[in-house]
N, C-alpha and C. Protein backbone atom coordinates (compact mmCIF):
# COMPACT_ATOMS: atom_id res chain seq x y z
N MET A 1 -7.35 23.62 27.33
CA MET A 1 -6.74 22.64 27.18
C MET A 1 -6.58 21.39 27.06
N LYS A 2 -7.91 20.94 28.59
CA LYS A 2 -7.49 19.37 28.48
C LYS A 2 -8.55 19.05 27.17
N ARG A 3 -9.12 19.90 26.94
CA ARG A 3 -10.37 19.20 25.94
C ARG A 3 -9.42 19.05 23.98
N LYS A 4 -9.38 20.00 24.56
CA LYS A 4 -7.71 19.52 23.07
C LYS A 4 -6.72 18.44 22.75
N VAL A 5 -6.20 18.30 23.76
CA VAL A 5 -5.40 16.60 24.38
C VAL A 5 -6.39 15.60 24.69
N ILE A 6 -7.90 16.33 23.96
CA ILE A 6 -8.41 14.76 24.86
C ILE A 6 -8.66 14.47 23.35
N ILE A 7 -9.41 15.83 22.20
CA ILE A 7 -9.24 15.53 20.67
C ILE A 7 -8.04 14.70 20.04
N VAL A 8 -6.69 15.30 20.63
CA VAL A 8 -5.92 14.72 20.08
C VAL A 8 -6.08 13.34 20.36
N LEU A 9 -5.78 12.80 21.65
CA LEU A 9 -5.39 11.77 22.03
C LEU A 9 -6.55 10.55 21.29
N VAL A 10 -7.94 11.02 21.76
CA VAL A 10 -9.10 9.74 20.47
C VAL A 10 -8.62 9.93 18.47
N LEU A 11 -8.09 11.51 18.38
CA LEU A 11 -8.21 11.13 16.82
C LEU A 11 -7.07 10.01 16.50
N ILE A 12 -5.68 10.40 17.30
CA ILE A 12 -4.88 9.35 16.70
C ILE A 12 -5.06 7.51 17.25
N SER A 13 -6.15 7.83 18.50
CA SER A 13 -7.08 6.36 19.01
C SER A 13 -6.99 6.08 17.47
N LEU A 14 -7.71 6.53 17.13
CA LEU A 14 -8.74 6.19 15.86
C LEU A 14 -7.55 6.43 14.65
N LEU A 15 -6.71 6.23 14.63
CA LEU A 15 -5.56 6.31 13.86
C LEU A 15 -5.00 4.50 13.05
N ILE A 16 -5.03 5.15 15.26
CA ILE A 16 -3.77 3.80 15.10
C ILE A 16 -5.56 2.14 14.79
N ILE A 17 -5.70 2.77 15.27
CA ILE A 17 -7.36 1.01 15.17
C ILE A 17 -8.22 0.92 13.30
N ASP A 18 -7.71 2.12 12.79
CA ASP A 18 -7.82 1.77 11.17
C ASP A 18 -6.58 1.37 11.09
N ARG A 19 -6.13 2.27 11.36
CA ARG A 19 -4.74 1.76 10.49
C ARG A 19 -4.21 -0.27 10.47
N PHE A 20 -4.70 -0.75 12.24
CA PHE A 20 -4.12 -2.13 12.25
C PHE A 20 -5.74 -2.93 12.31
N LEU A 21 -6.94 -2.13 11.98
CA LEU A 21 -8.39 -3.71 11.94
C LEU A 21 -8.55 -3.21 11.12
N TRP A 22 -8.81 -1.89 10.84
CA TRP A 22 -10.21 -1.78 9.50
C TRP A 22 -8.94 -1.38 7.63
N MET A 23 -7.96 -0.81 7.77
CA MET A 23 -7.17 -0.86 7.01
C MET A 23 -6.90 -1.80 6.42
N PRO A 24 -6.32 -2.91 6.47
CA PRO A 24 -5.75 -4.87 6.24
C PRO A 24 -7.73 -5.12 5.20
N GLU A 25 -9.11 -4.88 5.25
CA GLU A 25 -9.12 -5.14 4.60
C GLU A 25 -9.97 -4.55 3.54
N ARG A 26 -9.62 -3.36 3.79
CA ARG A 26 -9.78 -1.81 2.80
C ARG A 26 -8.78 -2.50 1.57
N VAL A 27 -7.80 -2.65 1.73
CA VAL A 27 -6.62 -3.09 0.88
C VAL A 27 -6.89 -4.52 0.10
N GLU A 28 -7.11 -5.19 0.49
CA GLU A 28 -7.67 -6.50 -0.05
C GLU A 28 -9.62 -5.93 -1.36
N THR A 29 -8.68 -6.12 -1.83
CA THR A 29 -9.49 -5.28 -3.59
C THR A 29 -8.37 -5.23 -4.61
N SER A 30 -9.04 -4.91 -5.78
CA SER A 30 -7.76 -5.49 -7.47
C SER A 30 -7.55 -3.17 -7.32
N TRP A 31 -6.33 -2.71 -7.59
CA TRP A 31 -5.74 -1.86 -7.65
C TRP A 31 -5.01 -1.72 -9.18
N LEU A 32 -5.71 -0.41 -9.76
CA LEU A 32 -4.77 0.49 -10.99
C LEU A 32 -4.45 1.02 -10.88
N ASN A 33 -2.66 1.07 -11.64
CA ASN A 33 -2.05 1.96 -10.92
C ASN A 33 -2.06 4.24 -11.40
N GLU A 34 -2.08 4.21 -10.93
CA GLU A 34 -2.30 6.36 -11.34
C GLU A 34 -1.42 6.53 -11.64
N ARG A 35 -0.14 6.46 -10.70
CA ARG A 35 1.24 7.65 -10.46
C ARG A 35 1.95 6.73 -9.84
N GLY A 36 3.88 6.51 -10.55
CA GLY A 36 4.92 6.20 -9.97
C GLY A 36 5.29 5.11 -11.03
N ARG A 37 5.91 3.89 -10.61
CA ARG A 37 6.57 3.51 -11.05
C ARG A 37 4.99 1.53 -11.35
N ASN A 38 5.11 1.65 -11.94
CA ASN A 38 4.39 0.97 -12.26
C ASN A 38 4.87 -0.84 -11.69
N LEU A 39 4.03 -1.36 -11.04
CA LEU A 39 4.28 -2.42 -10.09
C LEU A 39 3.36 -3.89 -10.40
N GLY A 40 2.66 -3.76 -11.23
CA GLY A 40 1.21 -4.07 -12.54
C GLY A 40 0.17 -3.77 -12.36
N ASP A 41 -0.14 -4.20 -13.58
CA ASP A 41 -1.90 -3.29 -13.36
C ASP A 41 -2.54 -4.49 -13.91
N PRO A 42 -3.32 -4.18 -13.54
CA PRO A 42 -3.41 -4.05 -11.71
C PRO A 42 -2.95 -5.00 -11.75
N ILE A 43 -2.88 -4.52 -9.78
CA ILE A 43 -2.64 -5.34 -8.70
C ILE A 43 -3.15 -5.72 -7.69
N SER A 44 -3.64 -7.41 -6.61
CA SER A 44 -4.43 -7.68 -5.50
C SER A 44 -3.83 -7.44 -5.28
N CYS A 45 -4.98 -7.81 -3.52
CA CYS A 45 -3.96 -8.10 -2.65
C CYS A 45 -4.42 -9.52 -2.24
N ASN A 46 -3.32 -10.79 -2.92
CA ASN A 46 -3.61 -12.42 -2.50
C ASN A 46 -3.57 -12.81 -3.39
N GLN A 47 -3.01 -11.96 -4.11
CA GLN A 47 -2.76 -12.57 -6.20
C GLN A 47 -1.21 -11.84 -6.78
N ASP A 48 -1.42 -10.26 -6.11
CA ASP A 48 0.02 -9.82 -6.40
C ASP A 48 1.12 -9.73 -5.10
N PHE A 49 0.42 -9.45 -4.35
CA PHE A 49 0.82 -9.15 -2.41
C PHE A 49 0.94 -9.70 -2.26
N LYS A 50 1.39 -9.29 -1.14
CA LYS A 50 0.36 -9.88 0.26
C LYS A 50 1.42 -9.09 1.49
N LEU A 51 0.32 -8.83 2.35
CA LEU A 51 0.84 -7.42 3.84
C LEU A 51 1.14 -8.41 4.59
N ASN A 52 2.43 -7.80 4.97
CA ASN A 52 2.74 -8.69 6.69
C ASN A 52 3.05 -7.05 7.59
N GLY A 53 2.19 -7.00 8.49
CA GLY A 53 1.66 -5.86 9.44
C GLY A 53 2.24 -4.36 7.78
N SER A 54 3.23 -3.79 7.96
CA SER A 54 2.98 -2.56 6.92
C SER A 54 3.78 -3.01 5.67
N GLU A 55 4.11 -4.84 6.15
CA GLU A 55 5.15 -4.58 5.02
C GLU A 55 4.77 -4.57 3.69
N ILE A 56 4.45 -4.52 2.49
CA ILE A 56 3.48 -5.87 1.58
C ILE A 56 5.48 -6.30 0.70
N ILE A 57 4.50 -7.46 0.04
CA ILE A 57 5.42 -8.87 -0.23
C ILE A 57 5.07 -9.11 -1.01
N PHE A 58 6.06 -8.67 -2.53
CA PHE A 58 5.07 -8.78 -3.96
C PHE A 58 5.51 -10.19 -4.22
N LEU A 59 4.48 -11.10 -4.50
CA LEU A 59 4.64 -13.24 -5.14
C LEU A 59 5.42 -12.66 -6.13
N ASN A 60 6.90 -13.53 -6.62
CA ASN A 60 7.32 -14.12 -7.88
C ASN A 60 6.57 -14.86 -8.76
N ASN A 61 4.97 -13.51 -9.33
CA ASN A 61 4.29 -14.50 -10.16
C ASN A 61 4.53 -13.48 -11.78
N LYS A 62 5.80 -13.23 -11.06
CA LYS A 62 6.12 -11.54 -13.00
C LYS A 62 7.78 -12.47 -12.98
N ASP A 63 7.49 -12.88 -13.92
CA ASP A 63 9.52 -13.04 -14.34
C ASP A 63 9.19 -12.24 -15.21
N SER A 64 10.46 -12.52 -15.54
CA SER A 64 11.83 -11.10 -15.59
C SER A 64 11.39 -11.34 -17.56
N VAL A 65 11.58 -12.01 -18.41
CA VAL A 65 11.24 -12.54 -19.62
C VAL A 65 10.06 -11.94 -20.32
N ASP A 66 8.81 -12.14 -19.56
CA ASP A 66 7.02 -11.88 -19.81
C ASP A 66 7.40 -10.14 -19.24
N TYR A 67 7.54 -9.77 -18.47
CA TYR A 67 7.73 -8.79 -17.80
C TYR A 67 8.60 -7.94 -17.20
N PRO A 68 9.55 -7.79 -18.33
CA PRO A 68 10.68 -7.10 -17.63
C PRO A 68 10.76 -5.51 -16.89
N THR A 69 9.47 -4.92 -17.12
CA THR A 69 9.56 -3.40 -16.60
C THR A 69 9.05 -3.41 -14.81
N VAL A 70 8.12 -4.66 -15.94
CA VAL A 70 7.46 -4.86 -13.45
C VAL A 70 8.08 -5.92 -12.51
N TYR A 71 9.08 -6.66 -13.51
CA TYR A 71 10.08 -7.93 -12.53
C TYR A 71 10.96 -6.71 -11.85
N LYS A 72 11.14 -5.95 -12.84
CA LYS A 72 12.57 -4.70 -12.06
C LYS A 72 11.60 -3.86 -11.05
N ASN A 73 10.98 -3.36 -11.56
CA ASN A 73 9.89 -1.75 -10.16
C ASN A 73 9.54 -2.91 -9.19
N ARG A 74 9.35 -4.20 -8.88
CA ARG A 74 9.04 -4.67 -7.89
C ARG A 74 10.23 -4.61 -6.88
N LYS A 75 11.27 -5.11 -7.79
CA LYS A 75 13.18 -5.19 -6.36
C LYS A 75 12.70 -3.44 -5.61
N GLY A 76 12.32 -3.56 -4.57
CA GLY A 76 12.26 -2.82 -3.53
C GLY A 76 11.96 -3.22 -1.97
N ASP A 77 11.67 -2.62 -0.80
CA ASP A 77 11.38 -2.37 -0.03
C ASP A 77 9.63 -1.58 -0.13
N PHE A 78 9.45 -2.37 0.11
CA PHE A 78 7.43 -1.53 -0.13
C PHE A 78 6.86 -1.63 1.09
N TYR A 79 6.58 -0.70 1.58
CA TYR A 79 5.58 -0.82 3.04
C TYR A 79 4.52 0.48 2.40
N LEU A 80 3.62 -0.32 2.66
CA LEU A 80 1.57 0.55 3.15
C LEU A 80 2.12 1.74 3.91
N ALA A 81 1.53 2.58 2.99
CA ALA A 81 2.05 4.01 3.30
C ALA A 81 0.11 4.31 3.86
N GLY A 82 -0.95 4.06 2.97
CA GLY A 82 -2.49 4.27 3.49
C GLY A 82 -2.84 3.60 2.53
N CYS A 83 -4.73 3.38 2.67
CA CYS A 83 -5.13 3.21 2.04
C CYS A 83 -6.63 3.69 2.05
N TYR A 84 -7.22 5.11 2.02
CA TYR A 84 -8.13 6.24 1.95
C TYR A 84 -7.93 6.91 0.50
N PHE A 85 -10.28 6.86 0.69
CA PHE A 85 -10.33 7.47 -0.62
C PHE A 85 -10.47 6.80 -1.75
N GLY A 86 -10.42 5.48 -2.10
CA GLY A 86 -10.51 4.50 -2.58
C GLY A 86 -8.64 4.56 -3.99
N TYR A 87 -7.51 5.67 -2.33
CA TYR A 87 -6.40 5.81 -3.69
C TYR A 87 -5.77 4.59 -1.88
N LEU A 88 -4.53 3.11 -2.78
CA LEU A 88 -3.58 2.68 -2.57
C LEU A 88 -2.44 3.81 -2.09
N PHE A 89 -1.00 4.27 -1.39
CA PHE A 89 -0.32 4.55 -1.31
C PHE A 89 0.58 3.68 -0.58
N ILE A 90 1.45 3.41 -1.48
CA ILE A 90 3.00 3.02 -1.58
C ILE A 90 3.92 3.23 -1.18
N TYR A 91 4.62 3.03 -0.23
CA TYR A 91 6.13 4.23 -0.63
C TYR A 91 7.59 2.89 -0.49
N ASP A 92 8.40 3.41 -1.01
CA ASP A 92 9.19 2.65 -1.68
C ASP A 92 10.79 2.37 -0.76
N LYS A 93 10.35 1.92 0.38
CA LYS A 93 11.95 2.59 1.06
C LYS A 93 13.54 2.69 0.48
N SER A 94 12.91 1.87 -0.17
CA SER A 94 14.49 1.71 -1.07
C SER A 94 15.27 3.06 -1.91
N LYS A 95 13.37 3.52 -2.37
CA LYS A 95 14.31 4.19 -3.49
C LYS A 95 13.49 5.56 -3.31
N ASP A 96 12.57 6.32 -1.57
CA ASP A 96 12.10 7.03 -1.34
C ASP A 96 11.54 7.54 -1.94
N ASP A 97 10.39 6.35 -3.21
CA ASP A 97 9.87 7.43 -3.59
C ASP A 97 8.35 6.37 -3.56
N MET A 98 6.59 7.21 -3.66
CA MET A 98 5.69 6.81 -3.82
C MET A 98 4.81 6.69 -4.90
N ILE A 99 3.85 5.62 -4.82
CA ILE A 99 3.64 5.50 -5.71
C ILE A 99 1.80 4.85 -5.13
N ILE A 100 1.44 5.00 -6.03
CA ILE A 100 -0.10 5.43 -5.96
C ILE A 100 -1.31 5.27 -7.37
N TYR A 101 -2.24 3.97 -6.26
CA TYR A 101 -3.27 3.26 -7.77
C TYR A 101 -4.09 3.62 -6.72
N CYS A 102 -5.82 3.50 -7.73
CA CYS A 102 -7.25 4.61 -7.33
C CYS A 102 -7.62 2.52 -8.10
N ASP A 103 -8.28 2.52 -7.00
CA ASP A 103 -9.09 1.90 -6.93
C ASP A 103 -9.87 1.56 -8.34
N GLY A 104 -9.87 -0.44 -8.45
CA GLY A 104 -9.80 -0.51 -10.92
C GLY A 104 -11.90 -1.56 -9.97
């Protein structure tokens, strides 16, 4: 029983360390839309969005005239759900929707 508790604590610690230490580095690449609403294709960190903790803040470089669908889709509360195995998982809290991007 004690061994299982130690294993669970180590796994939780690794997930927390990964979330705040290594995941922001993995996000900094180009991403192509695979499933869900289109937030721009491709998107990349520091050009299309910025990370503020777990919150994703989209920059206003897509205007409503040239990119009306992308402009409309970027309205929401986006959070980084994860970045694992070449996939970027974005959760839109306002629409309760998961958006998946693959490594481009």
